[in-house]
Amino acid sequence: MAMTVYRSRNALTGPLTPDQLAEVDLPWTRYGRRGYQTAEVDALLHRLVFELADRERRVAECRAENQRIKKALRTWQSDQANARADARAAADAMA
């Protein structure tokens, strides 16, 4: 027996974003009597939106810190190279 993959009309593709999750509209079950309680599903979606937004904020902070460290390293490397060049020029001048 071949396995099939369920494809929801609400399938979210790619990396999930808070906006994508906030826009999910889960369909009602037949006659509104079966399935999950709407309040529970909504609560879960709100939690997911909060957690994803927090995660995106932390990733953005990490990226900004990474850029700050890279810039500081480049500045330090340039300062070290300039100091070596100045030391060589001074040694050459004394010779």
N, C-alpha and C. Protein backbone atom coordinates (compact mmCIF):
# COMPACT_ATOMS: atom_id res chain seq x y z
N MET A 1 0.84 -1.18 0.00
CA MET A 1 0.00 0.00 0.00
C MET A 1 0.89 1.25 0.00
N ALA A 2 0.67 2.12 -0.94
CA ALA A 2 1.48 3.33 -1.06
C ALA A 2 1.04 4.37 -0.03
N MET A 3 2.03 5.05 0.54
CA MET A 3 1.72 6.11 1.50
C MET A 3 1.49 7.41 0.75
N THR A 4 0.53 8.15 1.21
CA THR A 4 0.28 9.45 0.62
C THR A 4 0.56 10.52 1.68
N VAL A 5 0.88 11.70 1.22
CA VAL A 5 1.17 12.81 2.11
C VAL A 5 -0.02 13.74 2.10
N TYR A 6 -0.49 14.07 3.30
CA TYR A 6 -1.61 15.00 3.42
C TYR A 6 -1.13 16.40 3.10
N ARG A 7 -1.83 17.09 2.25
CA ARG A 7 -1.51 18.47 1.91
C ARG A 7 -2.69 19.35 2.31
N SER A 8 -2.48 20.16 3.32
CA SER A 8 -3.53 21.07 3.77
C SER A 8 -3.58 22.28 2.86
N ARG A 9 -4.75 22.86 2.72
CA ARG A 9 -4.84 24.10 1.96
C ARG A 9 -4.19 25.24 2.74
N ASN A 10 -3.92 25.01 4.02
CA ASN A 10 -3.27 26.00 4.86
C ASN A 10 -1.78 25.72 5.02
N ALA A 11 -1.22 24.83 4.19
CA ALA A 11 0.18 24.47 4.32
C ALA A 11 1.06 25.72 4.20
N LEU A 12 1.98 25.84 5.14
CA LEU A 12 2.90 26.97 5.14
C LEU A 12 4.21 26.49 4.56
N THR A 13 4.69 27.18 3.54
CA THR A 13 5.93 26.77 2.90
C THR A 13 7.05 27.70 3.34
N GLY A 14 8.26 27.18 3.30
CA GLY A 14 9.41 27.98 3.67
C GLY A 14 9.48 28.22 5.16
N PRO A 15 10.44 29.04 5.58
CA PRO A 15 10.58 29.34 7.00
C PRO A 15 9.33 30.07 7.52
N LEU A 16 8.87 29.66 8.67
CA LEU A 16 7.67 30.28 9.24
C LEU A 16 8.01 31.65 9.81
N THR A 17 7.12 32.58 9.58
CA THR A 17 7.25 33.91 10.17
C THR A 17 6.05 34.16 11.06
N PRO A 18 6.17 35.09 12.01
CA PRO A 18 5.01 35.41 12.83
C PRO A 18 3.81 35.86 12.01
N ASP A 19 4.06 36.62 10.95
CA ASP A 19 2.96 37.10 10.12
C ASP A 19 2.23 35.94 9.44
N GLN A 20 2.99 34.94 8.97
CA GLN A 20 2.36 33.78 8.33
C GLN A 20 1.46 33.06 9.33
N LEU A 21 1.97 32.83 10.52
CA LEU A 21 1.17 32.12 11.52
C LEU A 21 -0.04 32.92 11.95
N ALA A 22 0.11 34.23 12.05
CA ALA A 22 -1.01 35.07 12.46
C ALA A 22 -2.13 35.03 11.43
N GLU A 23 -1.79 34.78 10.16
CA GLU A 23 -2.78 34.77 9.09
C GLU A 23 -3.42 33.41 8.85
N VAL A 24 -2.95 32.36 9.55
CA VAL A 24 -3.53 31.03 9.34
C VAL A 24 -4.98 31.03 9.79
N ASP A 25 -5.83 30.51 8.92
CA ASP A 25 -7.25 30.40 9.22
C ASP A 25 -7.62 28.93 9.13
N LEU A 26 -7.67 28.27 10.28
CA LEU A 26 -7.98 26.85 10.28
C LEU A 26 -9.46 26.64 9.95
N PRO A 27 -9.74 25.66 9.11
CA PRO A 27 -11.14 25.43 8.72
C PRO A 27 -11.94 24.83 9.87
N TRP A 28 -13.22 25.11 9.86
CA TRP A 28 -14.14 24.52 10.84
C TRP A 28 -14.42 23.08 10.44
N THR A 29 -14.66 22.26 11.42
CA THR A 29 -15.05 20.89 11.12
C THR A 29 -16.53 20.88 10.76
N ARG A 30 -16.99 19.75 10.30
CA ARG A 30 -18.40 19.64 9.92
C ARG A 30 -19.32 20.01 11.07
N TYR A 31 -20.23 20.84 10.78
CA TYR A 31 -21.28 21.25 11.71
C TYR A 31 -20.73 21.89 12.98
N GLY A 32 -19.44 22.19 13.00
CA GLY A 32 -18.85 22.84 14.15
C GLY A 32 -18.85 22.01 15.42
N ARG A 33 -19.05 20.70 15.31
CA ARG A 33 -19.14 19.88 16.52
C ARG A 33 -17.90 19.04 16.78
N ARG A 34 -17.12 18.75 15.78
CA ARG A 34 -15.96 17.89 15.96
C ARG A 34 -14.68 18.70 15.78
N GLY A 35 -13.58 18.13 16.22
CA GLY A 35 -12.29 18.76 16.02
C GLY A 35 -11.80 19.44 17.28
N TYR A 36 -10.84 20.30 17.09
CA TYR A 36 -10.23 21.00 18.22
C TYR A 36 -11.10 22.16 18.66
N GLN A 37 -10.93 22.53 19.92
CA GLN A 37 -11.65 23.70 20.41
C GLN A 37 -10.95 24.93 19.84
N THR A 38 -11.74 25.81 19.29
CA THR A 38 -11.20 26.99 18.62
C THR A 38 -10.34 27.81 19.56
N ALA A 39 -10.75 27.98 20.79
CA ALA A 39 -9.98 28.78 21.74
C ALA A 39 -8.61 28.17 21.98
N GLU A 40 -8.52 26.84 22.02
CA GLU A 40 -7.24 26.17 22.23
C GLU A 40 -6.32 26.36 21.03
N VAL A 41 -6.87 26.23 19.84
CA VAL A 41 -6.07 26.41 18.63
C VAL A 41 -5.58 27.85 18.55
N ASP A 42 -6.47 28.80 18.83
CA ASP A 42 -6.09 30.21 18.81
C ASP A 42 -4.99 30.51 19.83
N ALA A 43 -5.12 29.93 21.02
CA ALA A 43 -4.11 30.15 22.07
C ALA A 43 -2.75 29.61 21.62
N LEU A 44 -2.76 28.44 20.99
CA LEU A 44 -1.51 27.87 20.51
C LEU A 44 -0.91 28.75 19.41
N LEU A 45 -1.72 29.20 18.49
CA LEU A 45 -1.22 30.06 17.41
C LEU A 45 -0.64 31.36 17.98
N HIS A 46 -1.29 31.94 18.97
CA HIS A 46 -0.78 33.17 19.57
C HIS A 46 0.57 32.91 20.26
N ARG A 47 0.68 31.76 20.90
CA ARG A 47 1.95 31.42 21.54
C ARG A 47 3.04 31.25 20.49
N LEU A 48 2.72 30.56 19.39
CA LEU A 48 3.71 30.37 18.32
C LEU A 48 4.13 31.70 17.71
N VAL A 49 3.19 32.60 17.51
CA VAL A 49 3.51 33.93 16.97
C VAL A 49 4.46 34.64 17.92
N PHE A 50 4.18 34.61 19.22
CA PHE A 50 5.04 35.26 20.21
C PHE A 50 6.44 34.65 20.20
N GLU A 51 6.50 33.32 20.21
CA GLU A 51 7.80 32.65 20.25
C GLU A 51 8.62 32.90 18.98
N LEU A 52 7.98 32.88 17.83
CA LEU A 52 8.70 33.14 16.59
C LEU A 52 9.18 34.59 16.51
N ALA A 53 8.35 35.52 16.97
CA ALA A 53 8.76 36.92 16.97
C ALA A 53 9.95 37.12 17.90
N ASP A 54 9.91 36.47 19.07
CA ASP A 54 11.02 36.57 20.01
C ASP A 54 12.28 35.95 19.41
N ARG A 55 12.14 34.82 18.75
CA ARG A 55 13.29 34.16 18.12
C ARG A 55 13.87 35.03 17.02
N GLU A 56 13.03 35.63 16.20
CA GLU A 56 13.53 36.51 15.14
C GLU A 56 14.26 37.72 15.73
N ARG A 57 13.75 38.25 16.84
CA ARG A 57 14.40 39.38 17.51
C ARG A 57 15.79 38.96 18.00
N ARG A 58 15.88 37.78 18.62
CA ARG A 58 17.17 37.32 19.14
C ARG A 58 18.16 37.04 18.01
N VAL A 59 17.68 36.48 16.90
CA VAL A 59 18.56 36.24 15.75
C VAL A 59 19.07 37.57 15.20
N ALA A 60 18.19 38.56 15.11
CA ALA A 60 18.61 39.88 14.62
C ALA A 60 19.65 40.49 15.55
N GLU A 61 19.47 40.32 16.86
CA GLU A 61 20.45 40.83 17.81
C GLU A 61 21.80 40.12 17.64
N CYS A 62 21.76 38.81 17.43
CA CYS A 62 23.00 38.05 17.21
C CYS A 62 23.71 38.50 15.94
N ARG A 63 22.94 38.73 14.89
CA ARG A 63 23.56 39.18 13.64
C ARG A 63 24.19 40.56 13.81
N ALA A 64 23.50 41.46 14.52
CA ALA A 64 24.05 42.79 14.76
C ALA A 64 25.33 42.70 15.59
N GLU A 65 25.33 41.86 16.61
CA GLU A 65 26.53 41.67 17.44
C GLU A 65 27.66 41.07 16.61
N ASN A 66 27.33 40.14 15.74
CA ASN A 66 28.33 39.54 14.85
C ASN A 66 28.96 40.61 13.96
N GLN A 67 28.15 41.48 13.39
CA GLN A 67 28.68 42.56 12.55
C GLN A 67 29.56 43.51 13.37
N ARG A 68 29.15 43.81 14.60
CA ARG A 68 29.94 44.69 15.47
C ARG A 68 31.31 44.07 15.75
N ILE A 69 31.33 42.76 16.05
CA ILE A 69 32.59 42.06 16.33
C ILE A 69 33.47 42.02 15.09
N LYS A 70 32.89 41.74 13.92
CA LYS A 70 33.68 41.72 12.68
C LYS A 70 34.31 43.08 12.41
N LYS A 71 33.54 44.15 12.62
CA LYS A 71 34.06 45.49 12.39
C LYS A 71 35.19 45.79 13.36
N ALA A 72 35.02 45.41 14.62
CA ALA A 72 36.07 45.63 15.62
C ALA A 72 37.33 44.85 15.28
N LEU A 73 37.17 43.63 14.81
CA LEU A 73 38.32 42.81 14.42
C LEU A 73 39.06 43.43 13.23
N ARG A 74 38.30 43.88 12.24
CA ARG A 74 38.94 44.52 11.08
C ARG A 74 39.71 45.77 11.50
N THR A 75 39.11 46.56 12.39
CA THR A 75 39.79 47.77 12.87
C THR A 75 41.07 47.40 13.62
N TRP A 76 40.99 46.39 14.48
CA TRP A 76 42.15 45.95 15.24
C TRP A 76 43.25 45.45 14.30
N GLN A 77 42.85 44.65 13.29
CA GLN A 77 43.84 44.14 12.33
C GLN A 77 44.50 45.28 11.58
N SER A 78 43.72 46.28 11.17
CA SER A 78 44.29 47.43 10.47
C SER A 78 45.25 48.19 11.38
N ASP A 79 44.86 48.39 12.63
CA ASP A 79 45.73 49.08 13.59
C ASP A 79 47.03 48.31 13.78
N GLN A 80 46.96 46.98 13.88
CA GLN A 80 48.16 46.17 14.06
C GLN A 80 49.07 46.25 12.83
N ALA A 81 48.47 46.20 11.65
CA ALA A 81 49.26 46.29 10.41
C ALA A 81 49.92 47.66 10.31
N ASN A 82 49.20 48.72 10.65
CA ASN A 82 49.77 50.07 10.62
C ASN A 82 50.89 50.22 11.64
N ALA A 83 50.72 49.64 12.83
CA ALA A 83 51.76 49.71 13.86
C ALA A 83 53.01 48.98 13.40
N ARG A 84 52.85 47.82 12.76
CA ARG A 84 54.02 47.09 12.24
C ARG A 84 54.72 47.89 11.14
N ALA A 85 53.92 48.49 10.27
CA ALA A 85 54.51 49.29 9.18
C ALA A 85 55.26 50.49 9.76
N ASP A 86 54.69 51.14 10.78
CA ASP A 86 55.37 52.27 11.42
C ASP A 86 56.66 51.82 12.10
N ALA A 87 56.62 50.66 12.74
CA ALA A 87 57.81 50.14 13.42
C ALA A 87 58.90 49.82 12.40
N ARG A 88 58.52 49.24 11.25
CA ARG A 88 59.51 48.95 10.20
C ARG A 88 60.11 50.24 9.64
N ALA A 89 59.23 51.24 9.42
CA ALA A 89 59.72 52.51 8.87
C ALA A 89 60.67 53.18 9.86
N ALA A 90 60.38 53.10 11.15
CA ALA A 90 61.26 53.69 12.15
C ALA A 90 62.58 52.94 12.21
N ALA A 91 62.52 51.61 12.10
CA ALA A 91 63.77 50.80 12.12
C ALA A 91 64.59 51.10 10.89
N ASP A 92 63.97 51.27 9.74
CA ASP A 92 64.69 51.59 8.51
C ASP A 92 65.34 52.98 8.60
N ALA A 93 64.63 53.92 9.25
CA ALA A 93 65.15 55.27 9.37
C ALA A 93 66.37 55.32 10.28
N MET A 94 66.44 54.43 11.26
CA MET A 94 67.57 54.41 12.19
C MET A 94 68.76 53.69 11.59
N ALA A 95 68.54 52.88 10.59
CA ALA A 95 69.63 52.09 10.02
C ALA A 95 70.43 52.84 9.01
